[in-house]
N, C-alpha and C. Protein backbone atom coordinates (compact mmCIF):
# COMPACT_ATOMS: atom_id res chain seq x y z
N MET A 1 239.87 111.09 83.01
CA MET A 1 240.22 109.69 82.61
C MET A 1 240.10 108.81 83.83
N ILE A 2 239.39 107.79 83.75
CA ILE A 2 239.27 106.79 84.85
C ILE A 2 240.33 105.73 84.65
N LYS A 3 241.05 105.45 85.73
CA LYS A 3 242.10 104.44 85.69
C LYS A 3 241.55 103.14 86.18
N THR A 4 242.01 102.00 85.64
CA THR A 4 241.64 100.72 86.14
C THR A 4 242.49 100.44 87.38
N THR A 5 242.14 99.46 88.09
CA THR A 5 242.85 99.08 89.34
C THR A 5 244.36 98.86 88.98
N GLN A 6 244.68 98.21 87.88
CA GLN A 6 246.07 97.96 87.54
C GLN A 6 246.83 99.15 87.21
N GLU A 7 246.21 100.26 86.72
CA GLU A 7 246.84 101.42 86.29
C GLU A 7 246.97 102.45 87.43
N THR A 8 246.25 102.30 88.52
CA THR A 8 246.28 103.26 89.58
C THR A 8 247.46 103.19 90.47
N ASP A 9 248.04 104.31 90.81
CA ASP A 9 249.08 104.38 91.81
C ASP A 9 248.40 104.74 93.12
N SER A 10 248.70 104.03 94.20
CA SER A 10 248.09 104.32 95.47
C SER A 10 249.09 103.96 96.59
N CYS A 11 248.74 104.48 97.79
CA CYS A 11 249.64 104.22 98.90
C CYS A 11 248.86 103.43 99.96
N ASN A 12 249.60 102.69 100.71
CA ASN A 12 249.05 102.04 101.92
C ASN A 12 249.84 102.56 103.08
N HIS A 13 249.21 103.27 103.94
CA HIS A 13 249.90 103.87 105.05
C HIS A 13 249.29 103.49 106.40
N THR A 14 249.27 102.23 106.71
CA THR A 14 248.71 101.74 107.90
C THR A 14 249.52 102.23 109.18
N SER A 15 250.78 102.33 109.02
CA SER A 15 251.63 102.86 110.07
C SER A 15 252.85 103.49 109.44
N SER A 16 253.49 104.34 110.15
CA SER A 16 254.66 105.09 109.54
C SER A 16 255.78 104.13 109.22
N THR A 17 255.92 103.00 109.88
CA THR A 17 256.97 102.04 109.59
C THR A 17 256.66 101.04 108.54
N GLU A 18 255.37 100.93 108.23
CA GLU A 18 254.93 99.91 107.23
C GLU A 18 254.36 100.51 105.98
N ARG A 19 254.59 101.80 105.73
CA ARG A 19 253.98 102.44 104.60
C ARG A 19 254.57 101.88 103.27
N LYS A 20 253.72 101.72 102.31
CA LYS A 20 254.22 101.20 101.02
C LYS A 20 253.44 101.95 99.94
N SER A 21 254.12 102.08 98.80
CA SER A 21 253.44 102.63 97.59
C SER A 21 253.03 101.46 96.72
N HIS A 22 251.99 101.59 95.99
CA HIS A 22 251.54 100.62 95.11
C HIS A 22 251.45 101.26 93.73
N HIS A 23 252.55 101.22 93.00
CA HIS A 23 252.61 101.85 91.71
C HIS A 23 251.99 100.94 90.68
N SER A 24 251.43 101.52 89.66
CA SER A 24 250.90 100.79 88.52
C SER A 24 252.09 100.05 87.93
N GLU A 25 251.87 99.03 87.16
CA GLU A 25 252.90 98.34 86.46
C GLU A 25 253.66 99.26 85.50
N LYS A 26 252.90 100.12 84.87
CA LYS A 26 253.50 101.09 83.89
C LYS A 26 254.45 102.03 84.58
N THR A 27 254.00 102.56 85.79
CA THR A 27 254.95 103.43 86.53
C THR A 27 256.13 102.71 87.07
N LYS A 28 255.88 101.50 87.59
CA LYS A 28 256.99 100.74 88.17
C LYS A 28 258.04 100.39 87.08
N LEU A 29 257.54 99.96 85.89
CA LEU A 29 258.44 99.66 84.81
C LEU A 29 259.28 100.92 84.33
N SER A 30 258.64 102.05 84.29
CA SER A 30 259.26 103.30 83.97
C SER A 30 260.39 103.66 84.91
N LEU A 31 260.08 103.57 86.21
CA LEU A 31 261.05 103.90 87.26
C LEU A 31 262.22 102.85 87.13
N ILE A 32 261.95 101.58 87.02
CA ILE A 32 262.97 100.52 86.91
C ILE A 32 263.86 100.77 85.67
N HIS A 33 263.24 101.14 84.62
CA HIS A 33 263.94 101.42 83.31
C HIS A 33 264.95 102.56 83.59
N ARG A 34 264.54 103.57 84.21
CA ARG A 34 265.40 104.78 84.51
C ARG A 34 266.51 104.32 85.39
N LEU A 35 266.15 103.57 86.46
CA LEU A 35 267.22 103.06 87.34
C LEU A 35 268.26 102.18 86.69
N ASN A 36 267.81 101.32 85.77
CA ASN A 36 268.70 100.45 85.01
C ASN A 36 269.72 101.35 84.20
N ARG A 37 269.14 102.40 83.60
CA ARG A 37 270.07 103.25 82.78
C ARG A 37 271.06 103.98 83.68
N ILE A 38 270.58 104.46 84.83
CA ILE A 38 271.48 105.12 85.75
C ILE A 38 272.53 104.16 86.29
N GLU A 39 272.09 102.93 86.61
CA GLU A 39 273.11 101.94 87.05
C GLU A 39 274.14 101.68 85.98
N GLY A 40 273.76 101.65 84.75
CA GLY A 40 274.71 101.47 83.66
C GLY A 40 275.64 102.67 83.55
N GLN A 41 275.14 103.83 83.72
CA GLN A 41 275.94 105.05 83.69
C GLN A 41 276.99 105.02 84.86
N VAL A 42 276.61 104.64 86.01
CA VAL A 42 277.53 104.55 87.15
C VAL A 42 278.67 103.54 86.91
N ARG A 43 278.30 102.35 86.34
CA ARG A 43 279.31 101.36 86.00
C ARG A 43 280.22 101.94 84.95
N GLY A 44 279.65 102.71 84.00
CA GLY A 44 280.47 103.35 82.98
C GLY A 44 281.52 104.32 83.58
N VAL A 45 281.08 105.12 84.53
CA VAL A 45 282.05 106.05 85.23
C VAL A 45 283.14 105.23 85.95
N LYS A 46 282.74 104.17 86.62
CA LYS A 46 283.76 103.32 87.25
C LYS A 46 284.76 102.84 86.26
N GLY A 47 284.34 102.44 85.10
CA GLY A 47 285.27 101.96 84.01
C GLY A 47 286.12 103.10 83.52
N LEU A 48 285.59 104.31 83.45
CA LEU A 48 286.40 105.47 83.05
C LEU A 48 287.50 105.76 84.03
N ILE A 49 287.18 105.64 85.32
CA ILE A 49 288.21 105.87 86.32
C ILE A 49 289.27 104.70 86.35
N GLU A 50 288.78 103.53 86.14
CA GLU A 50 289.76 102.42 86.06
C GLU A 50 290.68 102.53 84.87
N ARG A 51 290.24 103.18 83.77
CA ARG A 51 291.04 103.41 82.63
C ARG A 51 291.76 104.74 82.64
N ASP A 52 291.77 105.41 83.76
CA ASP A 52 292.48 106.70 83.89
C ASP A 52 292.03 107.74 82.85
N THR A 53 290.72 107.76 82.60
CA THR A 53 290.15 108.73 81.62
C THR A 53 290.28 110.12 82.23
N TYR A 54 290.47 111.07 81.31
CA TYR A 54 290.65 112.48 81.69
C TYR A 54 289.52 113.00 82.62
N CYS A 55 289.89 113.61 83.67
CA CYS A 55 288.95 114.00 84.74
C CYS A 55 287.72 114.76 84.23
N ASP A 56 287.91 115.69 83.27
CA ASP A 56 286.83 116.45 82.74
C ASP A 56 285.74 115.54 82.12
N ASP A 57 286.21 114.54 81.43
CA ASP A 57 285.23 113.63 80.85
C ASP A 57 284.48 112.87 81.86
N VAL A 58 285.13 112.44 82.90
CA VAL A 58 284.49 111.75 84.01
C VAL A 58 283.50 112.64 84.69
N LEU A 59 283.87 113.89 84.94
CA LEU A 59 283.01 114.85 85.65
C LEU A 59 281.70 115.13 84.76
N ASN A 60 281.92 115.19 83.50
CA ASN A 60 280.73 115.31 82.56
C ASN A 60 279.77 114.14 82.68
N GLN A 61 280.28 112.97 82.78
CA GLN A 61 279.45 111.78 82.94
C GLN A 61 278.78 111.78 84.34
N ILE A 62 279.46 112.22 85.36
CA ILE A 62 278.81 112.37 86.68
C ILE A 62 277.64 113.39 86.62
N ALA A 63 277.88 114.50 85.97
CA ALA A 63 276.81 115.46 85.79
C ALA A 63 275.57 114.85 85.14
N SER A 64 275.84 113.98 84.15
CA SER A 64 274.74 113.28 83.47
C SER A 64 274.00 112.38 84.36
N ILE A 65 274.74 111.70 85.27
CA ILE A 65 274.11 110.78 86.24
C ILE A 65 273.25 111.60 87.18
N GLN A 66 273.77 112.74 87.67
CA GLN A 66 273.05 113.54 88.62
C GLN A 66 271.75 114.09 87.97
N SER A 67 271.85 114.42 86.67
CA SER A 67 270.65 114.86 85.98
C SER A 67 269.66 113.73 85.84
N ALA A 68 270.08 112.53 85.53
CA ALA A 68 269.19 111.38 85.47
C ALA A 68 268.56 111.07 86.81
N LEU A 69 269.31 111.15 87.89
CA LEU A 69 268.73 110.95 89.22
C LEU A 69 267.69 112.01 89.57
N ASN A 70 267.94 113.28 89.14
CA ASN A 70 266.97 114.33 89.38
C ASN A 70 265.70 114.00 88.60
N GLY A 71 265.82 113.58 87.42
CA GLY A 71 264.68 113.19 86.60
C GLY A 71 263.82 112.11 87.23
N LEU A 72 264.54 111.07 87.81
CA LEU A 72 263.86 110.02 88.49
C LEU A 72 263.16 110.56 89.69
N GLY A 73 263.77 111.42 90.46
CA GLY A 73 263.19 112.02 91.63
C GLY A 73 261.94 112.80 91.25
N LYS A 74 262.02 113.58 90.19
CA LYS A 74 260.86 114.38 89.78
C LYS A 74 259.70 113.42 89.41
N GLN A 75 259.96 112.34 88.66
CA GLN A 75 258.92 111.43 88.30
C GLN A 75 258.28 110.81 89.52
N LEU A 76 259.11 110.36 90.47
CA LEU A 76 258.56 109.75 91.66
C LEU A 76 257.80 110.72 92.45
N LEU A 77 258.27 111.92 92.61
CA LEU A 77 257.62 113.00 93.34
C LEU A 77 256.22 113.30 92.70
N GLU A 78 256.16 113.36 91.41
CA GLU A 78 254.87 113.58 90.74
C GLU A 78 253.86 112.51 91.09
N HIS A 79 254.31 111.25 91.03
CA HIS A 79 253.42 110.19 91.30
C HIS A 79 253.00 110.17 92.81
N HIS A 80 253.93 110.50 93.59
CA HIS A 80 253.65 110.62 95.06
C HIS A 80 252.58 111.69 95.33
N LEU A 81 252.76 112.82 94.74
CA LEU A 81 251.75 113.90 94.92
C LEU A 81 250.43 113.50 94.39
N LYS A 82 250.38 112.90 93.26
CA LYS A 82 249.10 112.57 92.62
C LYS A 82 248.39 111.39 93.25
N SER A 83 249.12 110.62 94.04
CA SER A 83 248.47 109.48 94.66
C SER A 83 248.55 109.56 96.20
N CYS A 84 249.63 109.30 96.79
CA CYS A 84 249.81 109.22 98.23
C CYS A 84 249.32 110.50 98.99
N VAL A 85 249.84 111.64 98.49
CA VAL A 85 249.56 112.89 99.18
C VAL A 85 248.05 113.22 99.11
N ILE A 86 247.54 113.07 97.88
CA ILE A 86 246.11 113.40 97.68
C ILE A 86 245.18 112.47 98.55
N GLU A 87 245.57 111.19 98.54
CA GLU A 87 244.78 110.25 99.30
C GLU A 87 244.79 110.63 100.82
N ARG A 88 245.96 110.89 101.35
CA ARG A 88 246.04 111.22 102.72
C ARG A 88 245.37 112.47 103.09
N ILE A 89 245.46 113.51 102.21
CA ILE A 89 244.73 114.73 102.47
C ILE A 89 243.19 114.49 102.45
N GLU A 90 242.75 113.73 101.49
CA GLU A 90 241.32 113.40 101.39
C GLU A 90 240.81 112.60 102.66
N GLU A 91 241.71 111.84 103.28
CA GLU A 91 241.42 111.13 104.47
C GLU A 91 241.53 111.96 105.76
N GLY A 92 241.86 113.31 105.57
CA GLY A 92 242.02 114.20 106.68
C GLY A 92 243.38 114.18 107.32
N ASP A 93 244.37 113.52 106.75
CA ASP A 93 245.76 113.45 107.34
C ASP A 93 246.52 114.61 106.70
N HIS A 94 246.58 115.72 107.45
CA HIS A 94 247.29 116.91 106.89
C HIS A 94 248.75 116.92 107.32
N ASP A 95 249.18 115.94 108.10
CA ASP A 95 250.57 115.82 108.48
C ASP A 95 251.37 115.53 107.25
N VAL A 96 250.77 114.98 106.24
CA VAL A 96 251.47 114.60 105.01
C VAL A 96 252.14 115.86 104.33
N ILE A 97 251.57 117.06 104.59
CA ILE A 97 252.17 118.28 104.02
C ILE A 97 253.55 118.51 104.64
N ASP A 98 253.68 118.40 105.95
CA ASP A 98 254.96 118.60 106.60
C ASP A 98 255.97 117.54 106.15
N GLU A 99 255.50 116.28 106.02
CA GLU A 99 256.30 115.16 105.55
C GLU A 99 256.84 115.45 104.13
N LEU A 100 255.91 115.92 103.29
CA LEU A 100 256.28 116.24 101.91
C LEU A 100 257.33 117.36 101.84
N LEU A 101 257.15 118.42 102.63
CA LEU A 101 258.08 119.51 102.65
C LEU A 101 259.49 119.13 103.10
N THR A 102 259.52 118.18 104.11
CA THR A 102 260.82 117.69 104.54
C THR A 102 261.47 116.91 103.40
N THR A 103 260.69 116.10 102.70
CA THR A 103 261.22 115.28 101.62
C THR A 103 261.72 116.18 100.49
N VAL A 104 260.99 117.20 100.15
CA VAL A 104 261.38 118.10 99.07
C VAL A 104 262.61 118.86 99.43
N ASN A 105 262.75 119.24 100.69
CA ASN A 105 263.98 119.87 101.18
C ASN A 105 265.22 118.98 101.03
N LYS A 106 265.02 117.71 101.31
CA LYS A 106 266.10 116.70 101.16
C LYS A 106 266.48 116.54 99.69
N LEU A 107 265.49 116.55 98.83
CA LEU A 107 265.76 116.42 97.43
C LEU A 107 266.52 117.65 96.82
N MET A 108 266.23 118.75 97.38
CA MET A 108 266.85 119.97 96.88
C MET A 108 268.23 120.31 97.43
N LYS A 109 268.82 119.46 98.27
CA LYS A 109 270.13 119.71 98.83
C LYS A 109 271.20 119.57 97.77
């Protein structure tokens, strides 16, 4: 499947301090939608604590938030692999593998 310019996720990595991802609008909207839901869940947990809700119920909501964050991380990692990492490898930049492994180790803590 050929993607149009607007649908393509790509990275701009002119220097390590100025690197940026350029997600398609569809990808960006999906990530923002997930983040908005997570933000709402966090506000909900704050409300539960303010109302002295039973700890077990709060902990279950926290587990739900952690699961949602993991899902967001997986989605972003998939797009990163399919765009930024492949681009950099194709350009001969194999340092991206060590960078990716460091990032994955941080995600798995």
